Amino acid sequence: MHVPLSYYLILSAILFGLGVLGFLLKRSIIAIFMSLELMLNAVNLSFVAFSYAWQQISGQIFVFFVIVVAAAEAAVGLAIIIMIFRNRASLNIERINLMKL
């Protein structure tokens, strides 16, 4: 049984749309961070689907590099989030003003 490429692309578009909505509507830094990761994974799904459909390994290699960059971004992003929480005692994006002490 073969799953059409369009199904993967529709799923990827839905996941990316949910990520964009979460990024625009959420007020917590953690939720925004998770929305960014969801968008990255939606793009990775598209790369893998096209790679499989066209029998090319280059899409999967590109996904590998995106995952490596996302892991580094997650480490740095979580460190920044922890420092903001320690200094401000809040993760609400509206209450964080880094220009004030």
PDB file of N, CA and C in Angstrom:
ATOM      1  N   MET A   1       0.851  -1.181   0.000  1.00  0.00           N
ATOM      2  CA  MET A   1       0.000   0.000   0.000  1.00  0.00           C
ATOM      3  C   MET A   1       0.892   1.239   0.000  1.00  0.00           C
ATOM      4  N   HIS A   2       0.655   2.129  -0.916  1.00  0.00           N
ATOM      5  CA  HIS A   2       1.483   3.308  -1.117  1.00  0.00           C
ATOM      6  C   HIS A   2       0.700   4.564  -0.700  1.00  0.00           C
ATOM      7  N   VAL A   3       1.305   5.379   0.159  1.00  0.00           N
ATOM      8  CA  VAL A   3       0.674   6.627   0.603  1.00  0.00           C
ATOM      9  C   VAL A   3       1.106   7.738  -0.351  1.00  0.00           C
ATOM     10  N   PRO A   4       0.156   8.474  -0.928  1.00  0.00           N
ATOM     11  CA  PRO A   4       0.516   9.539  -1.877  1.00  0.00           C
ATOM     12  C   PRO A   4       1.313  10.663  -1.209  1.00  0.00           C
ATOM     13  N   LEU A   5       2.139  11.305  -2.001  1.00  0.00           N
ATOM     14  CA  LEU A   5       2.959  12.421  -1.524  1.00  0.00           C
ATOM     15  C   LEU A   5       2.085  13.554  -0.999  1.00  0.00           C
ATOM     16  N   SER A   6       0.942  13.756  -1.591  1.00  0.00           N
ATOM     17  CA  SER A   6       0.072  14.863  -1.181  1.00  0.00           C
ATOM     18  C   SER A   6      -0.394  14.714   0.269  1.00  0.00           C
ATOM     19  N   TYR A   7      -0.564  13.492   0.745  1.00  0.00           N
ATOM     20  CA  TYR A   7      -0.972  13.299   2.140  1.00  0.00           C
ATOM     21  C   TYR A   7       0.099  13.823   3.098  1.00  0.00           C
ATOM     22  N   TYR A   8       1.356  13.531   2.787  1.00  0.00           N
ATOM     23  CA  TYR A   8       2.448  14.019   3.619  1.00  0.00           C
ATOM     24  C   TYR A   8       2.541  15.538   3.582  1.00  0.00           C
ATOM     25  N   LEU A   9       2.338  16.095   2.399  1.00  0.00           N
ATOM     26  CA  LEU A   9       2.413  17.550   2.276  1.00  0.00           C
ATOM     27  C   LEU A   9       1.253  18.241   2.981  1.00  0.00           C
ATOM     28  N   ILE A  10       0.083  17.646   2.938  1.00  0.00           N
ATOM     29  CA  ILE A  10      -1.067  18.215   3.658  1.00  0.00           C
ATOM     30  C   ILE A  10      -0.820  18.152   5.165  1.00  0.00           C
ATOM     31  N   LEU A  11      -0.320  17.013   5.648  1.00  0.00           N
ATOM     32  CA  LEU A  11       0.003  16.900   7.069  1.00  0.00           C
ATOM     33  C   LEU A  11       1.070  17.906   7.473  1.00  0.00           C
ATOM     34  N   SER A  12       2.076  18.073   6.630  1.00  0.00           N
ATOM     35  CA  SER A  12       3.127  19.042   6.910  1.00  0.00           C
ATOM     36  C   SER A  12       2.574  20.463   6.949  1.00  0.00           C
ATOM     37  N   ALA A  13       1.684  20.797   6.031  1.00  0.00           N
ATOM     38  CA  ALA A  13       1.082  22.135   6.016  1.00  0.00           C
ATOM     39  C   ALA A  13       0.226  22.371   7.254  1.00  0.00           C
ATOM     40  N   ILE A  14      -0.519  21.350   7.689  1.00  0.00           N
ATOM     41  CA  ILE A  14      -1.338  21.479   8.901  1.00  0.00           C
ATOM     42  C   ILE A  14      -0.454  21.696  10.114  1.00  0.00           C
ATOM     43  N   LEU A  15       0.617  20.906  10.224  1.00  0.00           N
ATOM     44  CA  LEU A  15       1.531  21.064  11.358  1.00  0.00           C
ATOM     45  C   LEU A  15       2.199  22.432  11.347  1.00  0.00           C
ATOM     46  N   PHE A  16       2.615  22.880  10.163  1.00  0.00           N
ATOM     47  CA  PHE A  16       3.243  24.193  10.068  1.00  0.00           C
ATOM     48  C   PHE A  16       2.245  25.295  10.438  1.00  0.00           C
ATOM     49  N   GLY A  17       1.002  25.174   9.973  1.00  0.00           N
ATOM     50  CA  GLY A  17      -0.034  26.158  10.328  1.00  0.00           C
ATOM     51  C   GLY A  17      -0.307  26.196  11.820  1.00  0.00           C
ATOM     52  N   LEU A  18      -0.344  25.023  12.451  1.00  0.00           N
ATOM     53  CA  LEU A  18      -0.524  24.991  13.905  1.00  0.00           C
ATOM     54  C   LEU A  18       0.657  25.648  14.624  1.00  0.00           C
ATOM     55  N   GLY A  19       1.847  25.440  14.091  1.00  0.00           N
ATOM     56  CA  GLY A  19       3.022  26.087  14.671  1.00  0.00           C
ATOM     57  C   GLY A  19       2.963  27.599  14.549  1.00  0.00           C
ATOM     58  N   VAL A  20       2.540  28.085  13.397  1.00  0.00           N
ATOM     59  CA  VAL A  20       2.412  29.536  13.202  1.00  0.00           C
ATOM     60  C   VAL A  20       1.349  30.108  14.130  1.00  0.00           C
ATOM     61  N   LEU A  21       0.209  29.425  14.241  1.00  0.00           N
ATOM     62  CA  LEU A  21      -0.839  29.897  15.153  1.00  0.00           C
ATOM     63  C   LEU A  21      -0.350  29.926  16.593  1.00  0.00           C
ATOM     64  N   GLY A  22       0.350  28.885  17.004  1.00  0.00           N
ATOM     65  CA  GLY A  22       0.892  28.858  18.354  1.00  0.00           C
ATOM     66  C   GLY A  22       1.896  29.965  18.582  1.00  0.00           C
ATOM     67  N   PHE A  23       2.716  30.242  17.577  1.00  0.00           N
ATOM     68  CA  PHE A  23       3.713  31.306  17.698  1.00  0.00           C
ATOM     69  C   PHE A  23       3.052  32.672  17.823  1.00  0.00           C
ATOM     70  N   LEU A  24       1.987  32.884  17.072  1.00  0.00           N
ATOM     71  CA  LEU A  24       1.333  34.191  17.079  1.00  0.00           C
ATOM     72  C   LEU A  24       0.390  34.404  18.253  1.00  0.00           C
ATOM     73  N   LEU A  25      -0.219  33.334  18.768  1.00  0.00           N
ATOM     74  CA  LEU A  25      -1.268  33.494  19.779  1.00  0.00           C
ATOM     75  C   LEU A  25      -0.815  33.229  21.207  1.00  0.00           C
ATOM     76  N   LYS A  26       0.208  32.470  21.408  1.00  0.00           N
ATOM     77  CA  LYS A  26       0.623  32.121  22.769  1.00  0.00           C
ATOM     78  C   LYS A  26       1.410  33.251  23.410  1.00  0.00           C
ATOM     79  N   ARG A  27       1.351  33.303  24.718  1.00  0.00           N
ATOM     80  CA  ARG A  27       2.058  34.339  25.463  1.00  0.00           C
ATOM     81  C   ARG A  27       3.211  33.786  26.297  1.00  0.00           C
ATOM     82  N   SER A  28       3.331  32.499  26.395  1.00  0.00           N
ATOM     83  CA  SER A  28       4.406  31.887  27.157  1.00  0.00           C
ATOM     84  C   SER A  28       5.598  31.620  26.248  1.00  0.00           C
ATOM     85  N   ILE A  29       6.789  31.886  26.740  1.00  0.00           N
ATOM     86  CA  ILE A  29       7.989  31.662  25.946  1.00  0.00           C
ATOM     87  C   ILE A  29       8.137  30.179  25.618  1.00  0.00           C
ATOM     88  N   ILE A  30       7.791  29.307  26.546  1.00  0.00           N
ATOM     89  CA  ILE A  30       7.900  27.863  26.315  1.00  0.00           C
ATOM     90  C   ILE A  30       6.970  27.437  25.180  1.00  0.00           C
ATOM     91  N   ALA A  31       5.755  27.947  25.166  1.00  0.00           N
ATOM     92  CA  ALA A  31       4.807  27.599  24.104  1.00  0.00           C
ATOM     93  C   ALA A  31       5.280  28.132  22.752  1.00  0.00           C
ATOM     94  N   ILE A  32       5.852  29.314  22.731  1.00  0.00           N
ATOM     95  CA  ILE A  32       6.389  29.878  21.493  1.00  0.00           C
ATOM     96  C   ILE A  32       7.565  29.032  21.001  1.00  0.00           C
ATOM     97  N   PHE A  33       8.402  28.614  21.919  1.00  0.00           N
ATOM     98  CA  PHE A  33       9.548  27.774  21.598  1.00  0.00           C
ATOM     99  C   PHE A  33       9.092  26.431  21.015  1.00  0.00           C
ATOM    100  N   MET A  34       8.064  25.836  21.612  1.00  0.00           N
ATOM    101  CA  MET A  34       7.534  24.574  21.094  1.00  0.00           C
ATOM    102  C   MET A  34       6.894  24.767  19.719  1.00  0.00           C
ATOM    103  N   SER A  35       6.275  25.907  19.483  1.00  0.00           N
ATOM    104  CA  SER A  35       5.690  26.195  18.174  1.00  0.00           C
ATOM    105  C   SER A  35       6.768  26.305  17.096  1.00  0.00           C
ATOM    106  N   LEU A  36       7.896  26.906  17.430  1.00  0.00           N
ATOM    107  CA  LEU A  36       9.007  26.975  16.486  1.00  0.00           C
ATOM    108  C   LEU A  36       9.524  25.580  16.144  1.00  0.00           C
ATOM    109  N   GLU A  37       9.629  24.726  17.150  1.00  0.00           N
ATOM    110  CA  GLU A  37      10.075  23.353  16.908  1.00  0.00           C
ATOM    111  C   GLU A  37       9.067  22.594  16.049  1.00  0.00           C
ATOM    112  N   LEU A  38       7.790  22.845  16.251  1.00  0.00           N
ATOM    113  CA  LEU A  38       6.760  22.201  15.434  1.00  0.00           C
ATOM    114  C   LEU A  38       6.876  22.627  13.971  1.00  0.00           C
ATOM    115  N   MET A  39       7.159  23.900  13.741  1.00  0.00           N
ATOM    116  CA  MET A  39       7.341  24.370  12.376  1.00  0.00           C
ATOM    117  C   MET A  39       8.573  23.739  11.729  1.00  0.00           C
ATOM    118  N   LEU A  40       9.661  23.618  12.478  1.00  0.00           N
ATOM    119  CA  LEU A  40      10.860  22.965  11.936  1.00  0.00           C
ATOM    120  C   LEU A  40      10.577  21.507  11.576  1.00  0.00           C
ATOM    121  N   ASN A  41       9.845  20.811  12.431  1.00  0.00           N
ATOM    122  CA  ASN A  41       9.539  19.412  12.148  1.00  0.00           C
ATOM    123  C   ASN A  41       8.574  19.261  10.969  1.00  0.00           C
ATOM    124  N   ALA A  42       7.688  20.220  10.770  1.00  0.00           N
ATOM    125  CA  ALA A  42       6.798  20.181   9.609  1.00  0.00           C
ATOM    126  C   ALA A  42       7.600  20.318   8.318  1.00  0.00           C
ATOM    127  N   VAL A  43       8.571  21.205   8.320  1.00  0.00           N
ATOM    128  CA  VAL A  43       9.424  21.367   7.147  1.00  0.00           C
ATOM    129  C   VAL A  43      10.257  20.108   6.928  1.00  0.00           C
ATOM    130  N   ASN A  44      10.750  19.505   8.007  1.00  0.00           N
ATOM    131  CA  ASN A  44      11.510  18.262   7.883  1.00  0.00           C
ATOM    132  C   ASN A  44      10.664  17.148   7.269  1.00  0.00           C
ATOM    133  N   LEU A  45       9.402  17.082   7.641  1.00  0.00           N
ATOM    134  CA  LEU A  45       8.514  16.079   7.062  1.00  0.00           C
ATOM    135  C   LEU A  45       8.375  16.275   5.554  1.00  0.00           C
ATOM    136  N   SER A  46       8.280  17.519   5.124  1.00  0.00           N
ATOM    137  CA  SER A  46       8.201  17.799   3.693  1.00  0.00           C
ATOM    138  C   SER A  46       9.483  17.380   2.979  1.00  0.00           C
ATOM    139  N   PHE A  47      10.628  17.693   3.580  1.00  0.00           N
ATOM    140  CA  PHE A  47      11.899  17.306   2.969  1.00  0.00           C
ATOM    141  C   PHE A  47      12.010  15.796   2.821  1.00  0.00           C
ATOM    142  N   VAL A  48      11.629  15.067   3.847  1.00  0.00           N
ATOM    143  CA  VAL A  48      11.723  13.606   3.793  1.00  0.00           C
ATOM    144  C   VAL A  48      10.728  13.047   2.777  1.00  0.00           C
ATOM    145  N   ALA A  49       9.537  13.609   2.715  1.00  0.00           N
ATOM    146  CA  ALA A  49       8.540  13.129   1.757  1.00  0.00           C
ATOM    147  C   ALA A  49       9.018  13.345   0.318  1.00  0.00           C
ATOM    148  N   PHE A  50       9.546  14.530   0.032  1.00  0.00           N
ATOM    149  CA  PHE A  50      10.063  14.777  -1.312  1.00  0.00           C
ATOM    150  C   PHE A  50      11.278  13.908  -1.609  1.00  0.00           C
ATOM    151  N   SER A  51      12.113  13.724  -0.619  1.00  0.00           N
ATOM    152  CA  SER A  51      13.289  12.883  -0.799  1.00  0.00           C
ATOM    153  C   SER A  51      12.898  11.453  -1.152  1.00  0.00           C
ATOM    154  N   TYR A  52      11.898  10.942  -0.476  1.00  0.00           N
ATOM    155  CA  TYR A  52      11.433   9.583  -0.758  1.00  0.00           C
ATOM    156  C   TYR A  52      10.750   9.493  -2.123  1.00  0.00           C
ATOM    157  N   ALA A  53       9.942  10.497  -2.447  1.00  0.00           N
ATOM    158  CA  ALA A  53       9.203  10.475  -3.712  1.00  0.00           C
ATOM    159  C   ALA A  53      10.137  10.562  -4.911  1.00  0.00           C
ATOM    160  N   TRP A  54      11.197  11.337  -4.794  1.00  0.00           N
ATOM    161  CA  TRP A  54      12.120  11.526  -5.917  1.00  0.00           C
ATOM    162  C   TRP A  54      13.333  10.612  -5.846  1.00  0.00           C
ATOM    163  N   GLN A  55      13.374   9.740  -4.834  1.00  0.00           N
ATOM    164  CA  GLN A  55      14.481   8.796  -4.651  1.00  0.00           C
ATOM    165  C   GLN A  55      15.838   9.501  -4.611  1.00  0.00           C
ATOM    166  N   GLN A  56      15.881  10.611  -3.860  1.00  0.00           N
ATOM    167  CA  GLN A  56      17.113  11.378  -3.680  1.00  0.00           C
ATOM    168  C   GLN A  56      17.446  11.419  -2.201  1.00  0.00           C
ATOM    169  N   ILE A  57      18.700  11.243  -1.862  1.00  0.00           N
ATOM    170  CA  ILE A  57      19.115  11.251  -0.462  1.00  0.00           C
ATOM    171  C   ILE A  57      19.385  12.671   0.043  1.00  0.00           C
ATOM    172  N   SER A  58      19.491  13.632  -0.860  1.00  0.00           N
ATOM    173  CA  SER A  58      19.862  14.993  -0.464  1.00  0.00           C
ATOM    174  C   SER A  58      18.841  15.623   0.487  1.00  0.00           C
ATOM    175  N   GLY A  59      17.571  15.318   0.335  1.00  0.00           N
ATOM    176  CA  GLY A  59      16.556  15.851   1.251  1.00  0.00           C
ATOM    177  C   GLY A  59      16.735  15.326   2.662  1.00  0.00           C
ATOM    178  N   GLN A  60      17.096  14.067   2.788  1.00  0.00           N
ATOM    179  CA  GLN A  60      17.303  13.481   4.110  1.00  0.00           C
ATOM    180  C   GLN A  60      18.585  14.008   4.742  1.00  0.00           C
ATOM    181  N   ILE A  61      19.596  14.284   3.936  1.00  0.00           N
ATOM    182  CA  ILE A  61      20.825  14.885   4.471  1.00  0.00           C
ATOM    183  C   ILE A  61      20.534  16.292   4.970  1.00  0.00           C
ATOM    184  N   PHE A  62      19.723  17.023   4.230  1.00  0.00           N
ATOM    185  CA  PHE A  62      19.355  18.372   4.662  1.00  0.00           C
ATOM    186  C   PHE A  62      18.567  18.320   5.970  1.00  0.00           C
ATOM    187  N   VAL A  63      17.692  17.333   6.121  1.00  0.00           N
ATOM    188  CA  VAL A  63      16.933  17.153   7.361  1.00  0.00           C
ATOM    189  C   VAL A  63      17.877  16.902   8.528  1.00  0.00           C
ATOM    190  N   PHE A  64      18.917  16.119   8.278  1.00  0.00           N
ATOM    191  CA  PHE A  64      19.899  15.855   9.330  1.00  0.00           C
ATOM    192  C   PHE A  64      20.525  17.157   9.825  1.00  0.00           C
ATOM    193  N   PHE A  65      20.902  18.041   8.910  1.00  0.00           N
ATOM    194  CA  PHE A  65      21.498  19.308   9.311  1.00  0.00           C
ATOM    195  C   PHE A  65      20.484  20.214  10.009  1.00  0.00           C
ATOM    196  N   VAL A  66      19.234  20.194   9.590  1.00  0.00           N
ATOM    197  CA  VAL A  66      18.194  20.980  10.263  1.00  0.00           C
ATOM    198  C   VAL A  66      18.004  20.481  11.695  1.00  0.00           C
ATOM    199  N   ILE A  67      18.044  19.161  11.890  1.00  0.00           N
ATOM    200  CA  ILE A  67      17.897  18.600  13.233  1.00  0.00           C
ATOM    201  C   ILE A  67      19.074  18.999  14.115  1.00  0.00           C
ATOM    202  N   VAL A  68      20.279  19.012  13.561  1.00  0.00           N
ATOM    203  CA  VAL A  68      21.460  19.421  14.327  1.00  0.00           C
ATOM    204  C   VAL A  68      21.344  20.885  14.740  1.00  0.00           C
ATOM    205  N   VAL A  69      20.929  21.738  13.809  1.00  0.00           N
ATOM    206  CA  VAL A  69      20.762  23.152  14.135  1.00  0.00           C
ATOM    207  C   VAL A  69      19.637  23.340  15.146  1.00  0.00           C
ATOM    208  N   ALA A  70      18.559  22.575  15.023  1.00  0.00           N
ATOM    209  CA  ALA A  70      17.449  22.678  15.975  1.00  0.00           C
ATOM    210  C   ALA A  70      17.872  22.235  17.367  1.00  0.00           C
ATOM    211  N   ALA A  71      18.729  21.227  17.453  1.00  0.00           N
ATOM    212  CA  ALA A  71      19.216  20.788  18.768  1.00  0.00           C
ATOM    213  C   ALA A  71      20.075  21.869  19.408  1.00  0.00           C
ATOM    214  N   ALA A  72      20.939  22.492  18.627  1.00  0.00           N
ATOM    215  CA  ALA A  72      21.755  23.584  19.162  1.00  0.00           C
ATOM    216  C   ALA A  72      20.881  24.765  19.559  1.00  0.00           C
ATOM    217  N   GLU A  73      19.884  25.059  18.745  1.00  0.00           N
ATOM    218  CA  GLU A  73      18.962  26.148  19.055  1.00  0.00           C
ATOM    219  C   GLU A  73      18.170  25.850  20.318  1.00  0.00           C
ATOM    220  N   ALA A  74      17.798  24.598  20.505  1.00  0.00           N
ATOM    221  CA  ALA A  74      17.059  24.215  21.709  1.00  0.00           C
ATOM    222  C   ALA A  74      17.923  24.386  22.951  1.00  0.00           C
ATOM    223  N   ALA A  75      19.178  23.999  22.868  1.00  0.00           N
ATOM    224  CA  ALA A  75      20.066  24.135  24.022  1.00  0.00           C
ATOM    225  C   ALA A  75      20.266  25.602  24.390  1.00  0.00           C
ATOM    226  N   VAL A  76      20.563  26.429  23.409  1.00  0.00           N
ATOM    227  CA  VAL A  76      20.780  27.852  23.666  1.00  0.00           C
ATOM    228  C   VAL A  76      19.471  28.524  24.081  1.00  0.00           C
ATOM    229  N   GLY A  77      18.386  28.184  23.402  1.00  0.00           N
ATOM    230  CA  GLY A  77      17.092  28.783  23.732  1.00  0.00           C
ATOM    231  C   GLY A  77      16.627  28.443  25.138  1.00  0.00           C
ATOM    232  N   LEU A  78      16.781  27.192  25.538  1.00  0.00           N
ATOM    233  CA  LEU A  78      16.375  26.821  26.898  1.00  0.00           C
ATOM    234  C   LEU A  78      17.255  27.479  27.947  1.00  0.00           C
ATOM    235  N   ALA A  79      18.534  27.649  27.651  1.00  0.00           N
ATOM    236  CA  ALA A  79      19.412  28.359  28.591  1.00  0.00           C
ATOM    237  C   ALA A  79      18.962  29.807  28.751  1.00  0.00           C
ATOM    238  N   ILE A  80      18.604  30.449  27.651  1.00  0.00           N
ATOM    239  CA  ILE A  80      18.115  31.827  27.719  1.00  0.00           C
ATOM    240  C   ILE A  80      16.798  31.892  28.475  1.00  0.00           C
ATOM    241  N   ILE A  81      15.914  30.942  28.237  1.00  0.00           N
ATOM    242  CA  ILE A  81      14.624  30.913  28.928  1.00  0.00           C
ATOM    243  C   ILE A  81      14.823  30.729  30.431  1.00  0.00           C
ATOM    244  N   ILE A  82      15.731  29.869  30.820  1.00  0.00           N
ATOM    245  CA  ILE A  82      16.004  29.655  32.247  1.00  0.00           C
ATOM    246  C   ILE A  82      16.542  30.929  32.890  1.00  0.00           C
ATOM    247  N   MET A  83      17.443  31.623  32.203  1.00  0.00           N
ATOM    248  CA  MET A  83      17.982  32.866  32.757  1.00  0.00           C
ATOM    249  C   MET A  83      16.914  33.955  32.852  1.00  0.00           C
ATOM    250  N   ILE A  84      16.028  34.030  31.871  1.00  0.00           N
ATOM    251  CA  ILE A  84      14.937  35.000  31.943  1.00  0.00           C
ATOM    252  C   ILE A  84      14.024  34.679  33.118  1.00  0.00           C
ATOM    253  N   PHE A  85      13.715  33.406  33.305  1.00  0.00           N
ATOM    254  CA  PHE A  85      12.841  33.028  34.420  1.00  0.00           C
ATOM    255  C   PHE A  85      13.502  33.332  35.766  1.00  0.00           C
ATOM    256  N   ARG A  86      14.786  33.091  35.878  1.00  0.00           N
ATOM    257  CA  ARG A  86      15.494  33.389  37.137  1.00  0.00           C
ATOM    258  C   ARG A  86      15.522  34.880  37.428  1.00  0.00           C
ATOM    259  N   ASN A  87      15.687  35.686  36.392  1.00  0.00           N
ATOM    260  CA  ASN A  87      15.784  37.135  36.598  1.00  0.00           C
ATOM    261  C   ASN A  87      14.428  37.813  36.710  1.00  0.00           C
ATOM    262  N   ARG A  88      13.441  37.342  35.986  1.00  0.00           N
ATOM    263  CA  ARG A  88      12.140  38.013  35.934  1.00  0.00           C
ATOM    264  C   ARG A  88      11.033  37.286  36.674  1.00  0.00           C
ATOM    265  N   ALA A  89      11.232  36.022  37.004  1.00  0.00           N
ATOM    266  CA  ALA A  89      10.234  35.184  37.696  1.00  0.00           C
ATOM    267  C   ALA A  89       8.935  35.077  36.907  1.00  0.00           C
ATOM    268  N   SER A  90       9.043  35.176  35.585  1.00  0.00           N
ATOM    269  CA  SER A  90       7.876  35.042  34.729  1.00  0.00           C
ATOM    270  C   SER A  90       8.330  34.617  33.338  1.00  0.00           C
ATOM    271  N   LEU A  91       7.490  33.816  32.685  1.00  0.00           N
ATOM    272  CA  LEU A  91       7.751  33.451  31.305  1.00  0.00           C
ATOM    273  C   LEU A  91       6.710  34.035  30.367  1.00  0.00           C
ATOM    274  N   ASN A  92       5.887  34.946  30.871  1.00  0.00           N
ATOM    275  CA  ASN A  92       4.897  35.623  30.046  1.00  0.00           C
ATOM    276  C   ASN A  92       5.612  36.646  29.181  1.00  0.00           C
ATOM    277  N   ILE A  93       5.395  36.581  27.887  1.00  0.00           N
ATOM    278  CA  ILE A  93       6.112  37.425  26.938  1.00  0.00           C
ATOM    279  C   ILE A  93       5.770  38.902  27.119  1.00  0.00           C
ATOM    280  N   GLU A  94       4.588  39.213  27.626  1.00  0.00           N
ATOM    281  CA  GLU A  94       4.185  40.606  27.811  1.00  0.00           C
ATOM    282  C   GLU A  94       4.819  41.228  29.064  1.00  0.00           C
ATOM    283  N   ARG A  95       5.214  40.393  30.008  1.00  0.00           N
ATOM    284  CA  ARG A  95       5.770  40.922  31.262  1.00  0.00           C
ATOM    285  C   ARG A  95       7.286  41.019  31.238  1.00  0.00           C
ATOM    286  N   ILE A  96       7.889  40.554  30.189  1.00  0.00           N
ATOM    287  CA  ILE A  96       9.349  40.565  30.108  1.00  0.00           C
ATOM    288  C   ILE A  96       9.796  41.801  29.347  1.00  0.00           C
ATOM    289  N   ASN A  97      10.554  42.627  30.031  1.00  0.00           N
ATOM    290  CA  ASN A  97      11.143  43.811  29.426  1.00  0.00           C
ATOM    291  C   ASN A  97      12.614  43.805  29.815  1.00  0.00           C
ATOM    292  N   LEU A  98      13.465  43.417  28.905  1.00  0.00           N
ATOM    293  CA  LEU A  98      14.881  43.262  29.242  1.00  0.00           C
ATOM    294  C   LEU A  98      15.624  44.574  29.351  1.00  0.00           C
ATOM    295  N   MET A  99      15.018  45.671  28.956  1.00  0.00           N
ATOM    296  CA  MET A  99      15.700  46.961  29.049  1.00  0.00           C
ATOM    297  C   MET A  99      15.619  47.536  30.459  1.00  0.00           C
ATOM    298  N   LYS A 100      14.690  47.060  31.266  1.00  0.00           N
ATOM    299  CA  LYS A 100      14.565  47.538  32.648  1.00  0.00           C
ATOM    300  C   LYS A 100      15.249  46.575  33.585  1.00  0.00           C
ATOM    301  N   LEU A 101      15.752  47.086  34.680  1.00  0.00           N
ATOM    302  CA  LEU A 101      16.364  46.233  35.697  1.00  0.00           C
ATOM    303  C   LEU A 101      15.413  45.880  36.777  1.00  0.00           C
TER     304      LEU A 101
END
